[in-house]
Amino acid sequence: MRAYRTLFAVPMALALAACGAGGDGGASDDGGRPAGKAVRGATVTVADSGLGSILVDGQGRTLYAFTKDKDTSGSCGAECVAVWPALTGSAPAGAGRGVRRDLLGEEKRAGGAVHVTYGEWPLYYYVGDAAAGDVNGQGLDGEWFAVSPDGKLVRTTP
């Protein structure tokens, strides 16, 4: 099943990239779908899911961490970001309900955008999540996991 979702994600990512969802892959205000430009300030909050309590953006879209990222330094390159857009903004992120403000941070990116981090993890979306509450990226390739409010990776499956 995971191989099918991964194969599905590549054509979907290419279609989204053609529509402008590549680049920095920032958050948007159009229902929470990742978009090509960063918004003023993203909001990170906590939601209950089939995985337990996890981090989501202000529109309820699941936020993921990449296990190859080290010390809040994003290592997801251009091809990776086409499938896993970074949560970015032009201002620091706001802490919503259940978020520990002391764990919320940022990594500066080219062009003045900031990649939102939580604990030691830069945060990303998954293009295979079509709506708020989707967790289709959970555990993909054994490297992508939702993040709990304590900053740890959620390694369970939905």
N, C-alpha and C. Protein backbone atom coordinates (compact mmCIF):
# COMPACT_ATOMS: atom_id res chain seq x y z
N MET A 1 0.82 -1.20 0.00
CA MET A 1 0.00 0.00 0.00
C MET A 1 0.86 1.25 0.00
N ARG A 2 1.96 1.26 0.78
CA ARG A 2 2.83 2.43 0.83
C ARG A 2 3.44 2.70 -0.54
N ALA A 3 3.85 1.66 -1.25
CA ALA A 3 4.44 1.86 -2.57
C ALA A 3 3.42 2.51 -3.50
N TYR A 4 2.17 2.09 -3.42
CA TYR A 4 1.13 2.69 -4.25
C TYR A 4 0.98 4.18 -3.94
N ARG A 5 0.95 4.54 -2.64
CA ARG A 5 0.80 5.95 -2.28
C ARG A 5 1.99 6.76 -2.75
N THR A 6 3.20 6.18 -2.66
CA THR A 6 4.39 6.89 -3.12
C THR A 6 4.33 7.08 -4.62
N LEU A 7 3.94 6.05 -5.37
CA LEU A 7 3.82 6.18 -6.81
C LEU A 7 2.75 7.19 -7.19
N PHE A 8 1.68 7.25 -6.43
CA PHE A 8 0.61 8.22 -6.68
C PHE A 8 1.09 9.63 -6.43
N ALA A 9 1.94 9.80 -5.41
CA ALA A 9 2.39 11.14 -5.02
C ALA A 9 3.25 11.80 -6.08
N VAL A 10 4.06 11.03 -6.80
CA VAL A 10 4.97 11.63 -7.78
C VAL A 10 4.20 12.32 -8.90
N PRO A 11 3.24 11.64 -9.60
CA PRO A 11 2.50 12.36 -10.63
C PRO A 11 1.70 13.53 -10.06
N MET A 12 1.16 13.36 -8.84
CA MET A 12 0.41 14.44 -8.22
C MET A 12 1.32 15.63 -7.96
N ALA A 13 2.53 15.36 -7.48
CA ALA A 13 3.48 16.44 -7.20
C ALA A 13 3.87 17.17 -8.47
N LEU A 14 4.06 16.42 -9.55
CA LEU A 14 4.40 17.06 -10.82
C LEU A 14 3.27 17.96 -11.29
N ALA A 15 2.04 17.50 -11.13
CA ALA A 15 0.89 18.32 -11.53
C ALA A 15 0.81 19.57 -10.68
N LEU A 16 1.03 19.44 -9.38
CA LEU A 16 0.99 20.60 -8.50
C LEU A 16 2.13 21.56 -8.80
N ALA A 17 3.31 21.02 -9.10
CA ALA A 17 4.45 21.87 -9.41
C ALA A 17 4.17 22.68 -10.66
N ALA A 18 3.52 22.08 -11.63
CA ALA A 18 3.18 22.79 -12.86
C ALA A 18 2.19 23.92 -12.59
N CYS A 19 1.42 23.78 -11.52
CA CYS A 19 0.45 24.81 -11.15
C CYS A 19 1.03 25.82 -10.17
N GLY A 20 2.32 25.68 -9.84
CA GLY A 20 2.96 26.65 -8.98
C GLY A 20 3.09 26.23 -7.53
N ALA A 21 2.95 24.96 -7.21
CA ALA A 21 3.06 24.53 -5.82
C ALA A 21 4.44 24.01 -5.48
N GLY A 22 5.43 24.35 -6.23
CA GLY A 22 6.80 23.93 -5.94
C GLY A 22 7.50 25.00 -5.14
N GLY A 23 8.69 25.36 -5.55
CA GLY A 23 9.44 26.44 -4.93
C GLY A 23 9.60 26.23 -3.44
N ASP A 24 9.36 27.29 -2.68
CA ASP A 24 9.49 27.21 -1.24
C ASP A 24 8.40 26.37 -0.62
N GLY A 25 7.26 26.22 -1.33
CA GLY A 25 6.19 25.39 -0.80
C GLY A 25 5.62 25.92 0.48
N GLY A 26 5.41 27.21 0.56
CA GLY A 26 4.89 27.81 1.78
C GLY A 26 3.45 27.49 2.01
N ALA A 27 2.97 27.89 3.16
CA ALA A 27 1.56 27.73 3.48
C ALA A 27 0.78 28.80 2.74
N SER A 28 -0.50 28.59 2.56
CA SER A 28 -1.32 29.60 1.92
C SER A 28 -2.59 29.81 2.72
N ASP A 29 -3.35 30.81 2.32
CA ASP A 29 -4.60 31.07 2.99
C ASP A 29 -5.78 30.59 2.17
N ASP A 30 -5.55 29.67 1.24
CA ASP A 30 -6.62 29.16 0.38
C ASP A 30 -7.08 27.78 0.85
N GLY A 31 -7.46 27.68 2.10
CA GLY A 31 -7.92 26.41 2.63
C GLY A 31 -6.77 25.56 3.16
N GLY A 32 -5.58 26.14 3.26
CA GLY A 32 -4.46 25.43 3.83
C GLY A 32 -3.65 24.62 2.85
N ARG A 33 -3.93 24.70 1.57
CA ARG A 33 -3.15 23.95 0.61
C ARG A 33 -1.80 24.62 0.42
N PRO A 34 -0.72 23.81 0.31
CA PRO A 34 0.58 24.40 0.07
C PRO A 34 0.57 25.20 -1.23
N ALA A 35 1.28 26.29 -1.24
CA ALA A 35 1.35 27.14 -2.42
C ALA A 35 2.78 27.58 -2.64
N GLY A 36 3.04 28.22 -3.75
CA GLY A 36 4.39 28.60 -4.12
C GLY A 36 4.94 29.79 -3.37
N LYS A 37 4.12 30.59 -2.72
CA LYS A 37 4.65 31.75 -2.01
C LYS A 37 4.32 31.66 -0.52
N ALA A 38 5.19 32.26 0.25
CA ALA A 38 5.02 32.23 1.70
C ALA A 38 3.96 33.23 2.13
N VAL A 39 3.27 32.92 3.20
CA VAL A 39 2.29 33.83 3.77
C VAL A 39 2.96 34.65 4.86
N ARG A 40 2.29 35.67 5.34
CA ARG A 40 2.85 36.57 6.36
C ARG A 40 3.34 35.79 7.58
N GLY A 41 2.47 35.08 8.25
CA GLY A 41 2.86 34.30 9.41
C GLY A 41 1.97 33.09 9.54
N ALA A 42 2.55 31.92 9.48
CA ALA A 42 1.79 30.68 9.62
C ALA A 42 1.41 30.48 11.08
N THR A 43 0.40 29.66 11.31
CA THR A 43 0.02 29.29 12.66
C THR A 43 0.16 27.78 12.79
N VAL A 44 0.78 27.35 13.87
CA VAL A 44 0.89 25.92 14.17
C VAL A 44 0.02 25.67 15.39
N THR A 45 -0.81 24.64 15.31
CA THR A 45 -1.70 24.31 16.40
C THR A 45 -1.72 22.79 16.59
N VAL A 46 -2.50 22.29 17.49
CA VAL A 46 -2.59 20.86 17.78
C VAL A 46 -4.00 20.39 17.47
N ALA A 47 -4.09 19.21 16.85
CA ALA A 47 -5.39 18.59 16.56
C ALA A 47 -5.34 17.13 16.95
N ASP A 48 -6.49 16.59 17.27
CA ASP A 48 -6.61 15.16 17.54
C ASP A 48 -6.79 14.44 16.21
N SER A 49 -6.13 13.30 16.06
CA SER A 49 -6.21 12.52 14.82
C SER A 49 -6.18 11.04 15.17
N GLY A 50 -6.22 10.21 14.16
CA GLY A 50 -6.09 8.77 14.37
C GLY A 50 -4.71 8.40 14.90
N LEU A 51 -3.78 9.35 14.86
CA LEU A 51 -2.43 9.14 15.38
C LEU A 51 -2.28 9.66 16.80
N GLY A 52 -3.32 10.29 17.33
CA GLY A 52 -3.25 10.97 18.61
C GLY A 52 -3.17 12.47 18.36
N SER A 53 -2.63 13.22 19.31
CA SER A 53 -2.48 14.67 19.15
C SER A 53 -1.26 14.95 18.28
N ILE A 54 -1.47 15.74 17.21
CA ILE A 54 -0.39 16.05 16.27
C ILE A 54 -0.42 17.54 15.92
N LEU A 55 0.69 18.01 15.36
CA LEU A 55 0.77 19.39 14.90
C LEU A 55 0.08 19.52 13.54
N VAL A 56 -0.66 20.62 13.39
CA VAL A 56 -1.32 20.96 12.13
C VAL A 56 -1.17 22.46 11.92
N ASP A 57 -1.45 22.91 10.69
CA ASP A 57 -1.42 24.35 10.45
C ASP A 57 -2.76 24.95 10.85
N GLY A 58 -2.93 26.24 10.63
CA GLY A 58 -4.15 26.93 11.02
C GLY A 58 -5.41 26.44 10.35
N GLN A 59 -5.27 25.72 9.21
CA GLN A 59 -6.42 25.16 8.51
C GLN A 59 -6.61 23.67 8.79
N GLY A 60 -5.81 23.12 9.72
CA GLY A 60 -5.98 21.72 10.10
C GLY A 60 -5.21 20.71 9.27
N ARG A 61 -4.31 21.18 8.39
CA ARG A 61 -3.51 20.27 7.56
C ARG A 61 -2.33 19.74 8.37
N THR A 62 -2.13 18.44 8.30
CA THR A 62 -1.08 17.76 9.04
C THR A 62 0.31 18.28 8.67
N LEU A 63 1.16 18.43 9.69
CA LEU A 63 2.55 18.84 9.49
C LEU A 63 3.45 17.66 9.82
N TYR A 64 4.46 17.46 8.98
CA TYR A 64 5.35 16.31 9.09
C TYR A 64 6.80 16.75 9.31
N ALA A 65 7.61 15.82 9.81
CA ALA A 65 9.05 16.00 9.92
C ALA A 65 9.74 14.92 9.09
N PHE A 66 10.91 15.24 8.59
CA PHE A 66 11.74 14.36 7.77
C PHE A 66 12.89 13.87 8.64
N THR A 67 13.03 12.56 8.80
CA THR A 67 14.04 12.03 9.72
C THR A 67 15.47 12.36 9.29
N LYS A 68 15.69 12.73 8.04
CA LYS A 68 17.04 13.08 7.58
C LYS A 68 17.43 14.51 7.94
N ASP A 69 16.47 15.32 8.40
CA ASP A 69 16.79 16.68 8.83
C ASP A 69 17.54 16.60 10.15
N LYS A 70 18.58 17.38 10.25
CA LYS A 70 19.40 17.39 11.47
C LYS A 70 19.41 18.79 12.07
N ASP A 71 19.23 18.86 13.37
CA ASP A 71 19.36 20.12 14.12
C ASP A 71 18.61 21.28 13.47
N THR A 72 17.38 21.10 13.12
CA THR A 72 16.50 22.08 12.48
C THR A 72 17.00 22.58 11.13
N SER A 73 17.90 21.86 10.50
CA SER A 73 18.38 22.25 9.18
C SER A 73 17.72 21.37 8.13
N GLY A 74 16.87 21.96 7.31
CA GLY A 74 16.14 21.21 6.29
C GLY A 74 17.07 20.63 5.25
N SER A 75 16.93 19.34 4.96
CA SER A 75 17.75 18.68 3.95
C SER A 75 16.91 18.18 2.78
N CYS A 76 15.67 18.65 2.70
CA CYS A 76 14.76 18.26 1.63
C CYS A 76 15.02 19.18 0.44
N GLY A 77 15.63 18.64 -0.64
CA GLY A 77 15.97 19.42 -1.83
C GLY A 77 14.77 19.70 -2.71
N ALA A 78 15.03 20.24 -3.90
CA ALA A 78 13.97 20.68 -4.81
C ALA A 78 13.00 19.57 -5.19
N GLU A 79 13.51 18.38 -5.52
CA GLU A 79 12.62 17.27 -5.88
C GLU A 79 11.79 16.83 -4.68
N CYS A 80 12.41 16.82 -3.53
CA CYS A 80 11.73 16.44 -2.30
C CYS A 80 10.63 17.44 -1.96
N VAL A 81 10.94 18.74 -2.06
CA VAL A 81 9.98 19.79 -1.71
C VAL A 81 8.78 19.78 -2.66
N ALA A 82 8.93 19.22 -3.85
CA ALA A 82 7.79 19.11 -4.76
C ALA A 82 6.72 18.19 -4.19
N VAL A 83 7.13 17.22 -3.40
CA VAL A 83 6.19 16.28 -2.77
C VAL A 83 5.93 16.66 -1.31
N TRP A 84 6.91 17.27 -0.67
CA TRP A 84 6.84 17.63 0.75
C TRP A 84 7.12 19.13 0.89
N PRO A 85 6.17 19.99 0.55
CA PRO A 85 6.39 21.44 0.66
C PRO A 85 6.63 21.88 2.10
N ALA A 86 7.60 22.78 2.26
CA ALA A 86 7.94 23.29 3.58
C ALA A 86 6.87 24.26 4.07
N LEU A 87 6.63 24.27 5.37
CA LEU A 87 5.77 25.27 5.99
C LEU A 87 6.63 26.52 6.17
N THR A 88 6.36 27.54 5.37
CA THR A 88 7.15 28.76 5.42
C THR A 88 6.24 29.97 5.61
N GLY A 89 6.85 31.07 5.93
CA GLY A 89 6.15 32.34 6.06
C GLY A 89 7.14 33.48 5.96
N SER A 90 6.64 34.67 5.83
CA SER A 90 7.53 35.83 5.78
C SER A 90 7.72 36.44 7.17
N ALA A 91 7.09 35.83 8.16
CA ALA A 91 7.21 36.27 9.55
C ALA A 91 7.21 35.01 10.42
N PRO A 92 7.68 35.12 11.66
CA PRO A 92 7.66 33.95 12.54
C PRO A 92 6.24 33.39 12.71
N ALA A 93 6.17 32.09 12.90
CA ALA A 93 4.89 31.41 13.07
C ALA A 93 4.28 31.71 14.43
N GLY A 94 2.96 31.68 14.47
CA GLY A 94 2.23 31.84 15.71
C GLY A 94 1.95 30.50 16.35
N ALA A 95 1.89 30.48 17.67
CA ALA A 95 1.60 29.26 18.42
C ALA A 95 0.11 29.20 18.73
N GLY A 96 -0.55 28.20 18.18
CA GLY A 96 -1.97 27.99 18.44
C GLY A 96 -2.18 27.11 19.66
N ARG A 97 -3.42 26.67 19.83
CA ARG A 97 -3.82 25.84 20.97
C ARG A 97 -2.96 24.58 21.07
N GLY A 98 -2.39 24.37 22.26
CA GLY A 98 -1.64 23.15 22.53
C GLY A 98 -0.18 23.17 22.10
N VAL A 99 0.25 24.22 21.43
CA VAL A 99 1.63 24.30 20.94
C VAL A 99 2.53 24.90 22.02
N ARG A 100 3.67 24.29 22.22
CA ARG A 100 4.65 24.82 23.18
C ARG A 100 5.46 25.90 22.47
N ARG A 101 5.25 27.12 22.88
CA ARG A 101 5.92 28.27 22.26
C ARG A 101 7.45 28.12 22.29
N ASP A 102 7.98 27.48 23.34
CA ASP A 102 9.43 27.32 23.46
C ASP A 102 10.00 26.34 22.43
N LEU A 103 9.15 25.51 21.81
CA LEU A 103 9.61 24.57 20.78
C LEU A 103 9.44 25.13 19.36
N LEU A 104 8.66 26.18 19.22
CA LEU A 104 8.37 26.76 17.91
C LEU A 104 9.52 27.68 17.49
N GLY A 105 10.06 27.45 16.30
CA GLY A 105 11.19 28.24 15.83
C GLY A 105 11.16 28.43 14.34
N GLU A 106 12.31 28.79 13.79
CA GLU A 106 12.39 29.06 12.36
C GLU A 106 13.80 28.84 11.86
N GLU A 107 13.88 28.57 10.58
CA GLU A 107 15.13 28.46 9.85
C GLU A 107 15.04 29.45 8.70
N LYS A 108 15.98 30.37 8.62
CA LYS A 108 15.95 31.39 7.55
C LYS A 108 16.23 30.74 6.21
N ARG A 109 15.47 31.17 5.19
CA ARG A 109 15.63 30.66 3.82
C ARG A 109 15.95 31.82 2.90
N ALA A 110 16.39 31.50 1.71
CA ALA A 110 16.68 32.53 0.71
C ALA A 110 15.43 33.34 0.43
N GLY A 111 15.58 34.61 0.16
CA GLY A 111 14.45 35.47 -0.16
C GLY A 111 13.72 36.02 1.05
N GLY A 112 14.21 35.74 2.25
CA GLY A 112 13.60 36.29 3.45
C GLY A 112 12.53 35.43 4.08
N ALA A 113 12.15 34.32 3.44
CA ALA A 113 11.14 33.44 4.03
C ALA A 113 11.75 32.68 5.20
N VAL A 114 10.90 32.23 6.11
CA VAL A 114 11.34 31.41 7.22
C VAL A 114 10.65 30.05 7.15
N HIS A 115 11.44 28.98 7.33
CA HIS A 115 10.92 27.62 7.38
C HIS A 115 10.59 27.37 8.85
N VAL A 116 9.34 27.08 9.13
CA VAL A 116 8.89 26.89 10.51
C VAL A 116 9.45 25.57 11.04
N THR A 117 9.96 25.61 12.27
CA THR A 117 10.50 24.43 12.93
C THR A 117 9.76 24.21 14.25
N TYR A 118 9.84 22.97 14.72
CA TYR A 118 9.25 22.65 16.02
C TYR A 118 10.19 21.67 16.70
N GLY A 119 10.70 22.05 17.86
CA GLY A 119 11.74 21.24 18.48
C GLY A 119 12.93 21.25 17.55
N GLU A 120 13.42 20.07 17.19
CA GLU A 120 14.55 19.99 16.27
C GLU A 120 14.12 19.73 14.82
N TRP A 121 12.83 19.85 14.52
CA TRP A 121 12.32 19.42 13.22
C TRP A 121 11.76 20.56 12.37
N PRO A 122 12.29 20.78 11.15
CA PRO A 122 11.61 21.64 10.18
C PRO A 122 10.29 20.95 9.79
N LEU A 123 9.24 21.73 9.55
CA LEU A 123 7.91 21.18 9.29
C LEU A 123 7.55 21.24 7.82
N TYR A 124 6.85 20.20 7.36
CA TYR A 124 6.46 20.06 5.96
C TYR A 124 5.01 19.60 5.85
N TYR A 125 4.43 19.85 4.68
CA TYR A 125 3.15 19.27 4.28
C TYR A 125 3.44 18.06 3.40
N TYR A 126 2.42 17.26 3.11
CA TYR A 126 2.50 16.18 2.13
C TYR A 126 1.45 16.45 1.06
N VAL A 127 1.85 16.45 -0.22
CA VAL A 127 0.90 16.77 -1.29
C VAL A 127 -0.21 15.73 -1.43
N GLY A 128 -0.02 14.55 -0.87
CA GLY A 128 -1.04 13.51 -0.92
C GLY A 128 -2.15 13.70 0.11
N ASP A 129 -2.00 14.69 0.99
CA ASP A 129 -3.06 15.04 1.95
C ASP A 129 -3.96 16.07 1.27
N ALA A 130 -5.17 15.67 0.94
CA ALA A 130 -6.07 16.54 0.20
C ALA A 130 -6.91 17.46 1.09
N ALA A 131 -7.08 17.08 2.33
CA ALA A 131 -7.97 17.85 3.21
C ALA A 131 -7.45 17.86 4.63
N ALA A 132 -7.97 18.79 5.41
CA ALA A 132 -7.64 18.85 6.83
C ALA A 132 -7.90 17.48 7.46
N GLY A 133 -6.99 17.05 8.31
CA GLY A 133 -7.15 15.76 8.99
C GLY A 133 -6.54 14.59 8.27
N ASP A 134 -6.19 14.72 6.99
CA ASP A 134 -5.54 13.62 6.27
C ASP A 134 -4.15 13.38 6.85
N VAL A 135 -3.75 12.12 6.94
CA VAL A 135 -2.42 11.76 7.41
C VAL A 135 -1.79 10.73 6.46
N ASN A 136 -1.98 10.95 5.16
CA ASN A 136 -1.50 10.01 4.15
C ASN A 136 0.02 9.93 4.05
N GLY A 137 0.72 10.93 4.56
CA GLY A 137 2.17 10.91 4.52
C GLY A 137 2.81 10.19 5.68
N GLN A 138 2.01 9.81 6.66
CA GLN A 138 2.53 9.19 7.88
C GLN A 138 3.32 7.92 7.59
N GLY A 139 4.61 7.93 7.97
CA GLY A 139 5.46 6.75 7.85
C GLY A 139 5.97 6.47 6.45
N LEU A 140 5.69 7.33 5.48
CA LEU A 140 6.14 7.06 4.11
C LEU A 140 7.65 6.93 4.05
N ASP A 141 8.09 5.90 3.35
CA ASP A 141 9.51 5.60 3.17
C ASP A 141 10.25 5.43 4.50
N GLY A 142 9.51 5.28 5.60
CA GLY A 142 10.12 5.16 6.90
C GLY A 142 10.87 6.40 7.34
N GLU A 143 10.57 7.55 6.68
CA GLU A 143 11.31 8.79 6.94
C GLU A 143 10.45 10.00 7.26
N TRP A 144 9.15 9.90 7.07
CA TRP A 144 8.25 11.05 7.25
C TRP A 144 7.22 10.73 8.32
N PHE A 145 7.14 11.59 9.34
CA PHE A 145 6.23 11.32 10.44
C PHE A 145 5.60 12.61 10.95
N ALA A 146 4.36 12.50 11.39
CA ALA A 146 3.70 13.61 12.06
C ALA A 146 4.47 13.91 13.35
N VAL A 147 4.25 15.12 13.87
CA VAL A 147 4.97 15.56 15.06
C VAL A 147 3.97 15.77 16.19
N SER A 148 4.32 15.28 17.38
CA SER A 148 3.45 15.44 18.54
C SER A 148 3.72 16.79 19.21
N PRO A 149 2.81 17.25 20.07
CA PRO A 149 2.99 18.53 20.76
C PRO A 149 4.25 18.62 21.61
N ASP A 150 4.85 17.48 21.98
CA ASP A 150 6.09 17.52 22.76
C ASP A 150 7.33 17.57 21.87
N GLY A 151 7.12 17.65 20.55
CA GLY A 151 8.24 17.76 19.60
C GLY A 151 8.81 16.45 19.14
N LYS A 152 8.22 15.34 19.55
CA LYS A 152 8.71 14.02 19.15
C LYS A 152 7.94 13.53 17.92
N LEU A 153 8.58 12.65 17.15
CA LEU A 153 7.92 12.07 15.99
C LEU A 153 6.90 11.03 16.43
N VAL A 154 5.77 11.02 15.77
CA VAL A 154 4.72 10.04 16.02
C VAL A 154 4.99 8.88 15.06
N ARG A 155 5.39 7.76 15.59
CA ARG A 155 5.80 6.64 14.72
C ARG A 155 4.72 5.56 14.59
N THR A 156 3.52 5.82 15.07
CA THR A 156 2.42 4.87 14.91
C THR A 156 1.76 5.08 13.54
N THR A 157 0.95 4.11 13.14
CA THR A 157 0.22 4.24 11.89
C THR A 157 -1.26 4.51 12.19
N PRO A 158 -1.94 5.16 11.25
CA PRO A 158 -3.36 5.49 11.50
C PRO A 158 -4.23 4.26 11.56
